Amino acid sequence: ETDPNAMTFYPSCISYSGDEDDPDPLAQKAADIGILLKPLWEITQEAVFLNVYFNNLKLLGPQRGSHVGFPGFVKDYQATYVSIGCDWMLENINPYTGQPFATEGEIQKCHPAGTIVSERDYNPMEQEFCKDQALNPEATRIFGPYRQPVRSSENSTTHELWIMTAGLAVFDRLTGHFLGCTGVHFLPSAIERDLEYAIFNKHTETAFVRSDGRMVAGAGWKPDDQMNGIVHITDTGFLEQETFEKLTSVVNWREEWTAEEVKQKLTNNIHHHGSQVFMAYPVPTPPDDYDPRYRPEFYILYATKDDVFNVVNDVEDSIYDQILWLMVFSVSIAVVGIITMLGNIFAMSRVLTQPLLWMEDVSGQIINHRADDQAVEIKDFD
């Protein structure tokens, strides 16, 4: 392609004339992995595209990076990104080899930090998400949101799509060498849809932020093409900095903790500010057993009107009043029952003891030697 405005224009393009005895090593890698990406993409509904990024700096020749992904699309020569350089590969030590990730000569193949690079010269080693994965080799990392240039094949216009990337660095099991990065790329709007299920009433707002407060989704925040830099949750008016710090510092993750302690603190992690109540929950969920490496990467923030608890209080007061009324009613019925029972016992005792009282009276007359002519009254007790 000779038209510099065309999507497929690439002035540095070279051809590879390999044969069966000398196959293209990059093509071999792509053939082995590419067949797996399609089914993975189909079962991952939130994924926009999947990629495996190779560290090609050790290869001979001018290779600066390559990757295989699904769905496939043509890199736009006009679209650009800003390189972070590859100095990080020399400044940091690979924990599996005890050596830097790359040599001085290898990082010379990278574009210097701050260089504006065409997407056709894309080098994953110059990306923050790949650096983040490599420096955290035992954890799945979620990076973003960040802007990814995308060019429409219909009208040949380029726009920047805000995406997030989840992935894990790949190391050689035998040698420990850093082979590359992986990427499941998805839109922040996918998280926003999930947040809708976490709303427990119409007055509730939710936000999904990184642990340092950088916005990811929610709180009515919509990333657009004109936005530059990072937006903090406090910039959206969702809450104040002081409230955010209180919500995210309720547990000191650097000290040893127990699951019961964490659960209790998170349950009581409620803060009032003005007419609103704020709550927070860490993501990923804290493990059941203490893990010194665990740190929350994100927080789900909740904001609702403080009168939401008035309903609970009203229900509680109503239940208390009903219980009190039932208790008074029950005690009253019991007292009336006891009094009635005692009255019945007294009446029955009087009826049953009348013959005994008569006998006692007659016995008394006999003992006292009443006159014989004085008749004894016979009573009928039927």
Protein backbone atom coordinates (compact mmCIF):
# COMPACT_ATOMS: atom_id res chain seq x y z
CA GLU A 1 0.00 0.00 0.00
CA THR A 2 1.46 3.35 -1.07
CA ASP A 3 -1.29 5.69 0.18
CA PRO A 4 -0.13 7.05 3.57
CA ASN A 5 -3.77 7.69 4.55
CA ALA A 6 -4.78 4.07 4.02
CA MET A 7 -5.27 1.78 7.01
CA THR A 8 -2.75 -0.77 5.69
CA PHE A 9 -0.01 1.73 4.82
CA TYR A 10 3.26 0.74 6.46
CA PRO A 11 6.52 2.21 5.14
CA SER A 12 8.70 -0.19 7.17
CA CYS A 13 6.98 -3.33 5.92
CA ILE A 14 9.28 -6.16 4.84
CA SER A 15 8.48 -9.54 3.37
CA TYR A 16 9.55 -12.87 4.79
CA SER A 17 10.41 -15.55 2.24
CA GLY A 18 10.75 -18.53 4.54
CA ASP A 19 10.26 -22.12 3.43
CA GLU A 20 9.54 -25.40 5.15
CA ASP A 21 13.16 -25.75 6.21
CA ASP A 22 13.29 -22.20 7.57
CA PRO A 23 9.82 -21.35 8.88
CA ASP A 24 8.92 -17.98 10.34
CA PRO A 25 9.19 -18.45 14.15
CA LEU A 26 6.52 -15.82 14.78
CA ALA A 27 4.11 -17.56 12.42
CA GLN A 28 4.70 -20.81 14.27
CA LYS A 29 3.83 -19.20 17.59
CA ALA A 30 0.69 -17.67 16.13
CA ALA A 31 -0.42 -20.97 14.62
CA ASP A 32 -0.06 -22.78 17.94
CA ILE A 33 -1.97 -20.20 19.97
CA GLY A 34 -4.42 -18.66 17.51
CA ILE A 35 -6.57 -21.78 17.31
CA LEU A 36 -7.33 -21.49 21.03
CA LEU A 37 -8.34 -17.83 21.08
CA LYS A 38 -11.60 -18.08 19.15
CA PRO A 39 -13.38 -20.46 21.57
CA LEU A 40 -12.01 -18.51 24.53
CA TRP A 41 -13.35 -15.28 23.06
CA GLU A 42 -16.75 -16.85 22.40
CA ILE A 43 -17.23 -17.98 25.99
CA THR A 44 -16.01 -14.68 27.46
CA GLN A 45 -18.95 -12.39 26.83
CA GLU A 46 -17.33 -9.24 28.22
CA ALA A 47 -14.17 -9.57 26.09
CA VAL A 48 -13.76 -7.20 23.16
CA PHE A 49 -10.66 -9.04 21.97
CA LEU A 50 -8.05 -11.47 23.29
CA ASN A 51 -4.31 -11.22 22.67
CA VAL A 52 -1.04 -12.97 23.43
CA TYR A 53 1.93 -10.59 23.27
CA PHE A 54 5.43 -11.88 22.64
CA ASN A 55 8.71 -10.58 23.95
CA ASN A 56 10.73 -10.66 20.73
CA LEU A 57 13.68 -8.61 21.90
CA LYS A 58 15.94 -11.67 21.97
CA LEU A 59 15.24 -12.52 18.33
CA LEU A 60 17.75 -11.57 15.69
CA GLY A 61 16.73 -8.78 13.37
CA PRO A 62 14.71 -5.59 13.83
CA GLN A 63 11.66 -7.17 15.51
CA ARG A 64 10.21 -4.87 18.13
CA GLY A 65 7.23 -6.88 19.23
CA SER A 66 4.44 -9.00 17.88
CA HIS A 67 1.20 -10.50 19.03
CA VAL A 68 -1.62 -12.76 17.94
CA GLY A 69 -5.22 -12.08 18.78
CA PHE A 70 -8.88 -12.66 18.09
CA PRO A 71 -10.89 -11.15 16.51
CA GLY A 72 -8.31 -10.05 14.01
CA PHE A 73 -8.18 -6.48 12.75
CA VAL A 74 -5.80 -4.32 10.77
CA LYS A 75 -3.57 -1.99 12.71
CA ASP A 76 -4.02 1.59 11.62
CA TYR A 77 -0.83 3.38 10.57
CA GLN A 78 -2.35 6.76 11.42
CA ALA A 79 -3.30 5.68 14.97
CA THR A 80 -0.58 6.20 17.56
CA TYR A 81 0.36 5.46 21.13
CA VAL A 82 2.98 6.89 23.51
CA SER A 83 5.77 4.47 24.34
CA ILE A 84 6.91 4.01 27.94
CA GLY A 85 10.20 2.62 26.68
CA CYS A 86 11.83 -0.63 27.77
CA ASP A 87 14.17 0.70 30.42
CA TRP A 88 12.04 -1.07 33.03
CA MET A 89 13.27 -4.39 31.62
CA LEU A 90 16.84 -3.44 32.46
CA GLU A 91 16.09 -1.77 35.78
CA ASN A 92 14.09 -4.67 37.25
CA ILE A 93 15.16 -8.24 38.01
CA ASN A 94 13.36 -11.31 36.72
CA PRO A 95 12.63 -13.26 39.94
CA TYR A 96 13.00 -16.60 38.14
CA THR A 97 16.42 -15.97 36.61
CA GLY A 98 17.95 -13.41 38.94
CA GLN A 99 18.86 -11.35 35.86
CA PRO A 100 17.29 -8.26 34.27
CA PHE A 101 14.37 -8.91 31.93
CA ALA A 102 16.47 -7.68 28.97
CA THR A 103 19.98 -6.57 28.15
CA GLU A 104 21.15 -3.13 27.14
CA GLY A 105 21.35 -4.21 23.51
CA GLU A 106 17.88 -5.72 23.51
CA ILE A 107 16.11 -2.67 24.84
CA GLN A 108 17.68 -0.63 22.06
CA LYS A 109 15.05 -2.21 19.79
CA CYS A 110 12.35 -0.37 21.74
CA HIS A 111 11.17 3.17 21.13
CA PRO A 112 12.42 5.56 23.82
CA ALA A 113 9.99 6.62 26.51
CA GLY A 114 7.70 9.43 25.41
CA THR A 115 7.99 8.60 21.69
CA ILE A 116 4.75 8.79 19.70
CA VAL A 117 4.63 5.51 17.80
CA SER A 118 2.39 4.29 15.00
CA GLU A 119 0.11 1.37 15.86
CA ARG A 120 1.74 -0.52 12.99
CA ASP A 121 4.98 -0.43 15.00
CA TYR A 122 3.20 -1.65 18.13
CA ASN A 123 5.53 -3.14 20.73
CA PRO A 124 3.79 -4.67 23.77
CA MET A 125 6.95 -4.28 25.84
CA GLU A 126 6.35 -0.53 25.62
CA GLN A 127 2.93 -0.80 27.26
CA GLU A 128 2.13 -0.19 30.91
CA PHE A 129 -0.14 -3.22 31.20
CA CYS A 130 2.64 -5.58 30.04
CA LYS A 131 5.13 -4.02 32.42
CA ASP A 132 2.60 -4.38 35.25
CA GLN A 133 2.14 -8.09 34.48
CA ALA A 134 5.87 -8.78 34.25
CA LEU A 135 6.62 -7.10 37.58
CA ASN A 136 3.82 -9.05 39.30
CA PRO A 137 4.43 -12.52 37.86
CA GLU A 138 2.22 -14.57 40.18
CA ALA A 139 -0.94 -12.50 39.98
CA THR A 140 -3.59 -11.81 37.39
CA ARG A 141 -3.43 -8.09 36.81
CA ILE A 142 -6.24 -5.77 35.74
CA PHE A 143 -5.01 -2.60 34.14
CA GLY A 144 -6.88 0.48 33.05
CA PRO A 145 -9.00 2.04 31.88
CA TYR A 146 -6.79 3.46 29.18
CA ARG A 147 -7.31 4.67 25.63
CA GLN A 148 -6.85 2.33 22.70
CA PRO A 149 -6.93 3.81 19.17
CA VAL A 150 -9.42 2.02 16.92
CA ARG A 151 -10.12 2.79 13.29
CA SER A 152 -13.44 1.96 11.67
CA SER A 153 -13.18 -0.07 8.49
CA GLU A 154 -16.45 1.44 7.24
CA ASN A 155 -15.62 5.14 7.17
CA SER A 156 -11.82 5.06 7.77
CA THR A 157 -12.09 7.25 10.87
CA THR A 158 -10.06 6.68 14.01
CA HIS A 159 -11.33 7.10 17.56
CA GLU A 160 -9.93 6.13 20.92
CA LEU A 161 -11.77 3.41 22.78
CA TRP A 162 -11.51 3.27 26.55
CA ILE A 163 -10.71 -0.31 27.55
CA MET A 164 -9.34 -2.38 30.42
CA THR A 165 -6.94 -5.29 30.21
CA ALA A 166 -6.77 -8.35 32.43
CA GLY A 167 -3.86 -10.73 32.00
CA LEU A 168 -0.98 -12.73 33.38
CA ALA A 169 2.69 -12.66 32.44
CA VAL A 170 4.11 -15.79 30.78
CA PHE A 171 7.48 -17.23 31.80
CA ASP A 172 9.35 -20.23 30.46
CA ARG A 173 8.85 -23.09 32.92
CA LEU A 174 12.36 -24.44 32.36
CA THR A 175 14.56 -21.38 31.96
CA GLY A 176 12.42 -18.78 33.74
CA HIS A 177 12.81 -16.32 30.87
CA PHE A 178 10.06 -13.78 30.34
CA LEU A 179 8.15 -14.80 27.19
CA GLY A 180 5.43 -12.20 27.03
CA CYS A 181 2.04 -10.99 28.26
CA THR A 182 -1.59 -11.91 27.80
CA GLY A 183 -4.58 -9.68 27.47
CA VAL A 184 -8.34 -9.98 27.85
CA HIS A 185 -9.53 -6.56 26.77
CA PHE A 186 -12.97 -5.39 27.85
CA LEU A 187 -14.95 -2.17 28.15
CA PRO A 188 -15.56 -0.40 31.48
CA SER A 189 -19.24 -0.37 30.53
CA ALA A 190 -19.28 -4.14 31.15
CA ILE A 191 -18.47 -3.44 34.80
CA GLU A 192 -21.10 -0.72 34.92
CA ARG A 193 -23.78 -3.19 33.85
CA ASP A 194 -22.73 -5.51 36.68
CA LEU A 195 -22.92 -2.61 39.15
CA GLU A 196 -26.61 -2.19 38.36
CA TYR A 197 -27.28 -5.52 40.05
CA ALA A 198 -25.65 -4.22 43.24
CA ILE A 199 -28.11 -1.33 43.65
CA PHE A 200 -30.48 -2.07 46.54
CA ASN A 201 -32.86 0.89 46.07
CA LYS A 202 -33.53 3.70 43.63
CA HIS A 203 -31.59 6.21 45.72
CA THR A 204 -28.36 4.19 45.62
CA GLU A 205 -25.37 5.10 43.45
CA THR A 206 -22.38 2.86 42.92
CA ALA A 207 -18.84 3.36 41.68
CA PHE A 208 -16.02 0.98 40.82
CA VAL A 209 -12.61 2.50 41.49
CA ARG A 210 -9.03 1.41 41.82
CA SER A 211 -7.57 1.30 45.33
CA ASP A 212 -6.04 4.75 44.82
CA GLY A 213 -9.38 6.24 43.76
CA ARG A 214 -8.96 6.26 39.99
CA MET A 215 -12.30 5.87 38.26
CA VAL A 216 -13.18 2.70 36.40
CA ALA A 217 -16.97 2.74 36.10
CA GLY A 218 -20.15 4.00 37.72
CA ALA A 219 -21.03 7.23 39.54
CA GLY A 220 -22.50 8.57 36.31
CA TRP A 221 -18.97 8.80 34.87
CA LYS A 222 -18.69 8.26 31.13
CA PRO A 223 -15.20 8.27 29.57
CA ASP A 224 -15.03 9.97 26.20
CA ASP A 225 -12.52 10.63 23.43
CA GLN A 226 -11.77 14.16 24.66
CA MET A 227 -10.81 13.15 28.18
CA ASN A 228 -7.12 13.13 29.02
CA GLY A 229 -5.35 11.74 32.04
CA ILE A 230 -6.79 9.97 35.07
CA VAL A 231 -10.10 10.89 36.71
CA HIS A 232 -10.26 10.46 40.48
CA ILE A 233 -13.50 9.51 42.20
CA THR A 234 -13.44 12.81 44.10
CA ASP A 235 -13.41 14.68 40.78
CA THR A 236 -16.86 13.29 39.96
CA GLY A 237 -18.53 14.76 43.04
CA PHE A 238 -19.42 11.28 44.27
CA LEU A 239 -17.71 11.76 47.63
CA GLU A 240 -15.03 13.77 49.41
CA GLN A 241 -11.38 12.76 49.76
CA GLU A 242 -11.67 12.42 53.54
CA THR A 243 -14.62 10.04 53.21
CA PHE A 244 -12.80 7.97 50.59
CA GLU A 245 -9.75 7.62 52.84
CA LYS A 246 -11.91 6.50 55.77
CA LEU A 247 -13.70 3.91 53.65
CA THR A 248 -10.52 2.39 52.23
CA SER A 249 -8.40 2.43 55.40
CA VAL A 250 -10.77 0.54 57.70
CA VAL A 251 -8.49 -2.54 57.43
CA ASN A 252 -4.70 -2.34 57.59
CA TRP A 253 -3.78 -5.00 55.03
CA ARG A 254 -0.08 -4.75 55.89
CA GLU A 255 -0.72 -6.20 59.33
CA GLU A 256 -1.85 -9.74 60.05
CA TRP A 257 -5.62 -10.11 60.02
CA THR A 258 -8.29 -12.78 60.30
CA ALA A 259 -11.32 -13.34 58.10
CA GLU A 260 -13.66 -12.70 61.05
CA GLU A 261 -11.93 -9.43 61.87
CA VAL A 262 -12.09 -8.26 58.25
CA LYS A 263 -15.75 -9.23 57.93
CA GLN A 264 -16.66 -7.34 61.09
CA LYS A 265 -14.80 -4.20 60.04
CA LEU A 266 -16.27 -4.24 56.54
CA THR A 267 -19.78 -4.73 57.95
CA ASN A 268 -19.37 -1.66 60.14
CA ASN A 269 -17.64 0.35 57.41
CA ILE A 270 -20.41 2.93 57.11
CA HIS A 271 -19.72 6.66 57.04
CA HIS A 272 -22.14 9.58 57.02
CA HIS A 273 -21.45 12.77 55.12
CA GLY A 274 -24.15 15.37 54.80
CA SER A 275 -27.41 13.66 53.89
CA GLN A 276 -25.69 10.57 52.46
CA VAL A 277 -24.34 7.31 53.77
CA PHE A 278 -21.26 5.71 52.15
CA MET A 279 -20.05 2.11 52.21
CA ALA A 280 -17.17 0.28 50.50
CA TYR A 281 -16.18 -3.29 49.73
CA PRO A 282 -12.76 -4.47 48.46
CA VAL A 283 -12.23 -6.39 45.22
CA PRO A 284 -11.10 -9.12 44.95
CA THR A 285 -12.81 -10.51 48.02
CA PRO A 286 -10.37 -11.04 50.92
CA PRO A 287 -9.33 -14.70 51.26
CA ASP A 288 -10.54 -16.85 54.13
CA ASP A 289 -6.98 -17.28 55.37
CA TYR A 290 -4.42 -14.56 55.96
CA ASP A 291 -2.32 -13.85 52.88
CA PRO A 292 0.48 -11.27 53.32
CA ARG A 293 0.43 -10.62 49.56
CA TYR A 294 -3.25 -9.74 49.42
CA ARG A 295 -4.10 -6.14 48.63
CA PRO A 296 -7.42 -4.83 47.28
CA GLU A 297 -7.00 -3.68 43.69
CA PHE A 298 -10.44 -2.12 43.51
CA TYR A 299 -13.30 -0.95 45.68
CA ILE A 300 -17.03 -0.95 45.08
CA LEU A 301 -18.39 2.23 46.62
CA TYR A 302 -22.03 2.70 47.63
CA ALA A 303 -23.76 5.99 48.28
CA THR A 304 -27.35 6.27 49.41
CA LYS A 305 -29.53 8.78 51.25
CA ASP A 306 -29.34 8.49 55.01
CA ASP A 307 -33.14 8.30 55.23
CA VAL A 308 -32.87 4.79 53.82
CA PHE A 309 -32.32 3.70 57.41
CA ASN A 310 -35.48 5.52 58.51
CA VAL A 311 -37.51 2.77 56.92
CA VAL A 312 -35.57 0.20 58.91
CA ASN A 313 -36.03 2.23 62.09
CA ASP A 314 -39.75 2.63 61.43
CA VAL A 315 -40.13 -1.10 60.89
CA GLU A 316 -38.10 -1.78 64.02
CA ASP A 317 -40.24 0.61 66.07
CA SER A 318 -43.42 -0.94 64.68
CA ILE A 319 -42.23 -4.43 65.52
CA TYR A 320 -41.24 -3.28 69.03
CA ASP A 321 -44.68 -1.68 69.59
CA GLN A 322 -46.45 -4.82 68.42
CA ILE A 323 -44.30 -7.02 70.64
CA LEU A 324 -44.94 -4.71 73.62
CA TRP A 325 -48.72 -4.76 72.97
CA LEU A 326 -48.69 -8.54 72.69
CA MET A 327 -46.75 -8.82 75.92
CA VAL A 328 -49.18 -6.51 77.79
CA PHE A 329 -52.16 -8.32 76.30
CA SER A 330 -50.72 -11.71 77.18
CA VAL A 331 -49.97 -10.64 80.77
CA SER A 332 -53.46 -9.14 81.14
CA ILE A 333 -55.11 -12.32 79.90
CA ALA A 334 -52.94 -14.34 82.27
CA VAL A 335 -53.87 -12.14 85.28
CA VAL A 336 -57.61 -12.31 84.45
CA GLY A 337 -57.30 -16.07 84.02
CA ILE A 338 -55.58 -16.47 87.38
CA ILE A 339 -58.19 -14.31 89.14
CA THR A 340 -61.04 -16.25 87.53
CA MET A 341 -59.42 -19.55 88.44
CA LEU A 342 -58.94 -18.47 92.06
CA GLY A 343 -62.59 -17.31 92.21
CA ASN A 344 -63.76 -20.66 90.93
CA ILE A 345 -61.59 -22.50 93.43
CA PHE A 346 -62.93 -20.37 96.28
CA ALA A 347 -66.56 -20.94 95.21
CA MET A 348 -66.06 -24.69 94.83
CA SER A 349 -64.31 -24.90 98.18
CA ARG A 350 -67.27 -23.21 99.87
CA VAL A 351 -69.73 -25.61 98.31
CA LEU A 352 -67.65 -28.67 99.12
CA THR A 353 -66.99 -27.70 102.75
CA GLN A 354 -70.63 -26.88 103.78
CA PRO A 355 -71.37 -30.45 105.03
CA LEU A 356 -68.21 -30.39 107.09
CA LEU A 357 -69.15 -27.04 108.55
CA TRP A 358 -72.64 -28.41 109.51
CA MET A 359 -71.11 -31.48 111.07
CA GLU A 360 -68.78 -29.28 113.04
CA ASP A 361 -71.74 -27.17 114.22
CA VAL A 362 -73.81 -30.23 115.30
CA SER A 363 -70.80 -31.75 117.00
CA GLY A 364 -70.40 -28.55 118.92
CA GLN A 365 -74.01 -28.62 120.08
CA ILE A 366 -73.68 -32.18 121.29
CA ILE A 367 -70.49 -31.50 123.10
CA ASN A 368 -71.99 -28.44 124.77
CA HIS A 369 -74.91 -30.64 126.18
CA ARG A 370 -77.78 -28.92 124.54
CA ALA A 371 -81.20 -29.73 125.90
CA ASP A 372 -82.85 -32.90 124.63
CA ASP A 373 -85.88 -31.06 123.66
CA GLN A 374 -83.91 -28.81 121.43
CA ALA A 375 -84.14 -30.28 117.91
CA VAL A 376 -81.18 -30.55 115.62
CA GLU A 377 -81.75 -28.87 112.27
CA ILE A 378 -81.32 -31.24 109.36
CA LYS A 379 -79.94 -29.55 106.23
CA ASP A 380 -80.21 -30.66 102.68
CA PHE A 381 -76.90 -30.12 100.85
CA ASP A 382 -78.09 -31.25 97.42
